[in-house]
Amino acid sequence: MPGRMRAAAFFVPVLVSLCGLPLAARQGAQPPQAPATRSAPDPKRVEAGAALYHKKGCYECHVEEAQGGPQGPRLGPNPIPQARFVAYVRNPTGDMPPFTARVLSDQELGDIYAFLQARPQPKPVSTVPLLAQ
């Protein structure tokens, strides 16, 4: 029985942290801080990224403004972190084809990411007359 108690003492905190339960908060730790406000991406990179987004066919699945469509999820505004974005584009799951460095350089991916960051927030639903009824 003592072995089981040690195992429980080890696994319970691990399971709690994996499940996203606020164990640290219950132990008196400070809550996580909101990320710092990002600066606006360089307009030249946004323009280059928009051209690449269309040239490489991203719009075909993720739609013109990267808001997502029937074939691909929303990419912007507020895209996933850039490192995760690059990793996924290079080695995707599902139906998306991989965009290797031969197809899309890291610089080009950075430009597309700048384009995604620059996408405007959608209008509130309350401002759409058809939906406000």
C-alpha atoms as a PDB file:
ATOM      1  CA  MET A   1       0.000   0.000   0.000  1.00  0.00           C
ATOM      2  CA  PRO A   2       2.804   2.540   0.688  1.00  0.00           C
ATOM      3  CA  GLY A   3       3.887   2.218  -2.975  1.00  0.00           C
ATOM      4  CA  ARG A   4       0.404   3.153  -4.124  1.00  0.00           C
ATOM      5  CA  MET A   5       0.383   6.183  -1.838  1.00  0.00           C
ATOM      6  CA  ARG A   6       3.678   7.411  -3.304  1.00  0.00           C
ATOM      7  CA  ALA A   7       2.359   6.848  -6.814  1.00  0.00           C
ATOM      8  CA  ALA A   8      -0.810   8.779  -6.013  1.00  0.00           C
ATOM      9  CA  ALA A   9       1.225  11.588  -4.462  1.00  0.00           C
ATOM     10  CA  PHE A  10       3.208  11.789  -7.713  1.00  0.00           C
ATOM     11  CA  PHE A  11       0.458  11.313 -10.288  1.00  0.00           C
ATOM     12  CA  VAL A  12      -2.318  13.469  -8.817  1.00  0.00           C
ATOM     13  CA  PRO A  13      -0.426  16.780  -9.283  1.00  0.00           C
ATOM     14  CA  VAL A  14       0.707  15.659 -12.747  1.00  0.00           C
ATOM     15  CA  LEU A  15      -2.849  14.797 -13.786  1.00  0.00           C
ATOM     16  CA  VAL A  16      -4.188  18.021 -12.319  1.00  0.00           C
ATOM     17  CA  SER A  17      -1.629  20.079 -14.251  1.00  0.00           C
ATOM     18  CA  LEU A  18      -2.301  18.182 -17.478  1.00  0.00           C
ATOM     19  CA  CYS A  19      -6.027  18.734 -17.142  1.00  0.00           C
ATOM     20  CA  GLY A  20      -5.491  22.463 -16.871  1.00  0.00           C
ATOM     21  CA  LEU A  21      -6.835  22.744 -13.338  1.00  0.00           C
ATOM     22  CA  PRO A  22      -5.471  25.739 -11.436  1.00  0.00           C
ATOM     23  CA  LEU A  23      -3.269  23.804  -9.008  1.00  0.00           C
ATOM     24  CA  ALA A  24      -0.697  26.602  -8.871  1.00  0.00           C
ATOM     25  CA  ALA A  25      -3.392  29.123  -8.005  1.00  0.00           C
ATOM     26  CA  ARG A  26      -4.543  26.954  -5.070  1.00  0.00           C
ATOM     27  CA  GLN A  27      -0.950  26.826  -3.807  1.00  0.00           C
ATOM     28  CA  GLY A  28      -0.735  30.640  -3.615  1.00  0.00           C
ATOM     29  CA  ALA A  29       1.121  31.223  -6.878  1.00  0.00           C
ATOM     30  CA  GLN A  30       0.426  34.331  -8.907  1.00  0.00           C
ATOM     31  CA  PRO A  31      -1.991  33.876 -11.838  1.00  0.00           C
ATOM     32  CA  PRO A  32      -0.388  34.024 -15.274  1.00  0.00           C
ATOM     33  CA  GLN A  33      -0.013  37.512 -16.698  1.00  0.00           C
ATOM     34  CA  ALA A  34      -1.567  38.529 -20.007  1.00  0.00           C
ATOM     35  CA  PRO A  35       0.953  38.623 -22.839  1.00  0.00           C
ATOM     36  CA  ALA A  36       2.442  41.986 -23.686  1.00  0.00           C
ATOM     37  CA  THR A  37       0.699  43.931 -26.408  1.00  0.00           C
ATOM     38  CA  ARG A  38       2.235  43.129 -29.765  1.00  0.00           C
ATOM     39  CA  SER A  39       3.433  45.902 -31.977  1.00  0.00           C
ATOM     40  CA  ALA A  40       1.839  46.245 -35.380  1.00  0.00           C
ATOM     41  CA  PRO A  41       3.614  44.266 -38.093  1.00  0.00           C
ATOM     42  CA  ASP A  42       5.648  46.115 -40.725  1.00  0.00           C
ATOM     43  CA  PRO A  43       3.292  47.255 -43.526  1.00  0.00           C
ATOM     44  CA  LYS A  44       5.773  46.096 -46.190  1.00  0.00           C
ATOM     45  CA  ARG A  45       5.804  42.594 -44.710  1.00  0.00           C
ATOM     46  CA  VAL A  46       1.994  42.611 -44.496  1.00  0.00           C
ATOM     47  CA  GLU A  47       1.783  43.554 -48.185  1.00  0.00           C
ATOM     48  CA  ALA A  48       4.325  40.887 -49.160  1.00  0.00           C
ATOM     49  CA  GLY A  49       2.494  38.357 -46.984  1.00  0.00           C
ATOM     50  CA  ALA A  50      -0.844  39.178 -48.620  1.00  0.00           C
ATOM     51  CA  ALA A  51       0.671  38.599 -52.066  1.00  0.00           C
ATOM     52  CA  LEU A  52       2.197  35.277 -50.956  1.00  0.00           C
ATOM     53  CA  TYR A  53      -1.029  34.213 -49.211  1.00  0.00           C
ATOM     54  CA  HIS A  54      -2.791  34.504 -52.568  1.00  0.00           C
ATOM     55  CA  LYS A  55       0.070  33.295 -54.785  1.00  0.00           C
ATOM     56  CA  LYS A  56       0.588  30.095 -52.760  1.00  0.00           C
ATOM     57  CA  GLY A  57      -3.157  29.385 -52.651  1.00  0.00           C
ATOM     58  CA  CYS A  58      -3.756  29.773 -48.903  1.00  0.00           C
ATOM     59  CA  TYR A  59      -6.948  31.705 -49.660  1.00  0.00           C
ATOM     60  CA  GLU A  60      -8.445  28.666 -51.373  1.00  0.00           C
ATOM     61  CA  CYS A  61      -9.042  26.954 -48.026  1.00  0.00           C
ATOM     62  CA  HIS A  62      -8.701  29.740 -45.452  1.00  0.00           C
ATOM     63  CA  VAL A  63     -10.645  32.339 -47.506  1.00  0.00           C
ATOM     64  CA  GLU A  64      -9.583  35.839 -48.629  1.00  0.00           C
ATOM     65  CA  GLU A  65      -9.084  37.444 -45.223  1.00  0.00           C
ATOM     66  CA  ALA A  66      -7.925  34.259 -43.432  1.00  0.00           C
ATOM     67  CA  GLN A  67     -11.224  34.061 -41.553  1.00  0.00           C
ATOM     68  CA  GLY A  68     -11.599  30.361 -42.323  1.00  0.00           C
ATOM     69  CA  GLY A  69     -13.950  28.461 -44.531  1.00  0.00           C
ATOM     70  CA  PRO A  70     -15.370  25.004 -45.166  1.00  0.00           C
ATOM     71  CA  GLN A  71     -11.932  23.538 -45.957  1.00  0.00           C
ATOM     72  CA  GLY A  72      -9.609  25.390 -43.570  1.00  0.00           C
ATOM     73  CA  PRO A  73      -9.728  26.975 -40.110  1.00  0.00           C
ATOM     74  CA  ARG A  74      -9.513  30.655 -39.258  1.00  0.00           C
ATOM     75  CA  LEU A  75      -5.914  31.894 -39.235  1.00  0.00           C
ATOM     76  CA  GLY A  76      -6.335  35.542 -38.315  1.00  0.00           C
ATOM     77  CA  PRO A  77      -6.715  37.875 -36.604  1.00  0.00           C
ATOM     78  CA  ASN A  78      -4.735  36.817 -33.543  1.00  0.00           C
ATOM     79  CA  PRO A  79      -2.945  33.858 -35.135  1.00  0.00           C
ATOM     80  CA  ILE A  80      -1.345  31.106 -33.099  1.00  0.00           C
ATOM     81  CA  PRO A  81       2.260  31.829 -32.004  1.00  0.00           C
ATOM     82  CA  GLN A  82       4.617  32.132 -34.966  1.00  0.00           C
ATOM     83  CA  ALA A  83       6.817  29.170 -34.008  1.00  0.00           C
ATOM     84  CA  ARG A  84       3.749  26.895 -33.826  1.00  0.00           C
ATOM     85  CA  PHE A  85       2.434  28.325 -37.119  1.00  0.00           C
ATOM     86  CA  VAL A  86       5.722  27.572 -38.903  1.00  0.00           C
ATOM     87  CA  ALA A  87       5.914  24.077 -37.415  1.00  0.00           C
ATOM     88  CA  TYR A  88       2.380  23.275 -38.552  1.00  0.00           C
ATOM     89  CA  VAL A  89       2.824  24.676 -42.066  1.00  0.00           C
ATOM     90  CA  ARG A  90       5.994  22.614 -42.463  1.00  0.00           C
ATOM     91  CA  ASN A  91       4.459  19.398 -41.101  1.00  0.00           C
ATOM     92  CA  PRO A  92       0.647  19.632 -41.083  1.00  0.00           C
ATOM     93  CA  THR A  93      -1.932  17.065 -40.097  1.00  0.00           C
ATOM     94  CA  GLY A  94      -5.187  16.463 -41.898  1.00  0.00           C
ATOM     95  CA  ASP A  95      -5.702  17.483 -45.504  1.00  0.00           C
ATOM     96  CA  MET A  96      -3.320  20.455 -45.661  1.00  0.00           C
ATOM     97  CA  PRO A  97      -0.291  19.856 -47.875  1.00  0.00           C
ATOM     98  CA  PRO A  98       3.136  20.506 -46.337  1.00  0.00           C
ATOM     99  CA  PHE A  99       4.861  23.716 -47.383  1.00  0.00           C
ATOM    100  CA  THR A 100       8.534  22.818 -47.133  1.00  0.00           C
ATOM    101  CA  ALA A 101      11.338  25.385 -47.242  1.00  0.00           C
ATOM    102  CA  ARG A 102      11.659  24.654 -50.966  1.00  0.00           C
ATOM    103  CA  VAL A 103       8.082  25.842 -51.495  1.00  0.00           C
ATOM    104  CA  LEU A 104       7.963  28.639 -48.906  1.00  0.00           C
ATOM    105  CA  SER A 105      11.048  30.111 -47.218  1.00  0.00           C
ATOM    106  CA  ASP A 106      11.132  31.085 -43.545  1.00  0.00           C
ATOM    107  CA  GLN A 107      11.150  34.750 -44.637  1.00  0.00           C
ATOM    108  CA  GLU A 108       8.050  34.175 -46.759  1.00  0.00           C
ATOM    109  CA  LEU A 109       6.314  32.375 -43.893  1.00  0.00           C
ATOM    110  CA  GLY A 110       7.165  35.351 -41.676  1.00  0.00           C
ATOM    111  CA  ASP A 111       5.572  37.679 -44.220  1.00  0.00           C
ATOM    112  CA  ILE A 112       2.418  35.553 -44.335  1.00  0.00           C
ATOM    113  CA  TYR A 113       2.368  35.578 -40.537  1.00  0.00           C
ATOM    114  CA  ALA A 114       2.581  39.404 -40.589  1.00  0.00           C
ATOM    115  CA  PHE A 115      -0.407  39.408 -42.967  1.00  0.00           C
ATOM    116  CA  LEU A 116      -2.350  37.185 -40.536  1.00  0.00           C
ATOM    117  CA  GLN A 117      -1.493  39.450 -37.597  1.00  0.00           C
ATOM    118  CA  ALA A 118      -2.758  42.472 -39.503  1.00  0.00           C
ATOM    119  CA  ARG A 119      -6.206  41.040 -40.213  1.00  0.00           C
ATOM    120  CA  PRO A 120      -8.874  43.269 -38.668  1.00  0.00           C
ATOM    121  CA  GLN A 121     -11.145  42.088 -35.895  1.00  0.00           C
ATOM    122  CA  PRO A 122     -14.615  41.176 -37.188  1.00  0.00           C
ATOM    123  CA  LYS A 123     -17.475  43.570 -36.584  1.00  0.00           C
ATOM    124  CA  PRO A 124     -19.644  42.843 -33.544  1.00  0.00           C
ATOM    125  CA  VAL A 125     -22.712  40.779 -34.350  1.00  0.00           C
ATOM    126  CA  SER A 126     -24.901  43.569 -32.997  1.00  0.00           C
ATOM    127  CA  THR A 127     -23.796  45.820 -35.886  1.00  0.00           C
ATOM    128  CA  VAL A 128     -25.062  43.379 -38.552  1.00  0.00           C
ATOM    129  CA  PRO A 129     -28.712  44.351 -39.206  1.00  0.00           C
ATOM    130  CA  LEU A 130     -29.802  40.866 -40.256  1.00  0.00           C
ATOM    131  CA  LEU A 131     -28.405  39.355 -37.049  1.00  0.00           C
ATOM    132  CA  ALA A 132     -29.470  42.158 -34.716  1.00  0.00           C
ATOM    133  CA  GLN A 133     -33.179  41.338 -35.006  1.00  0.00           C
END
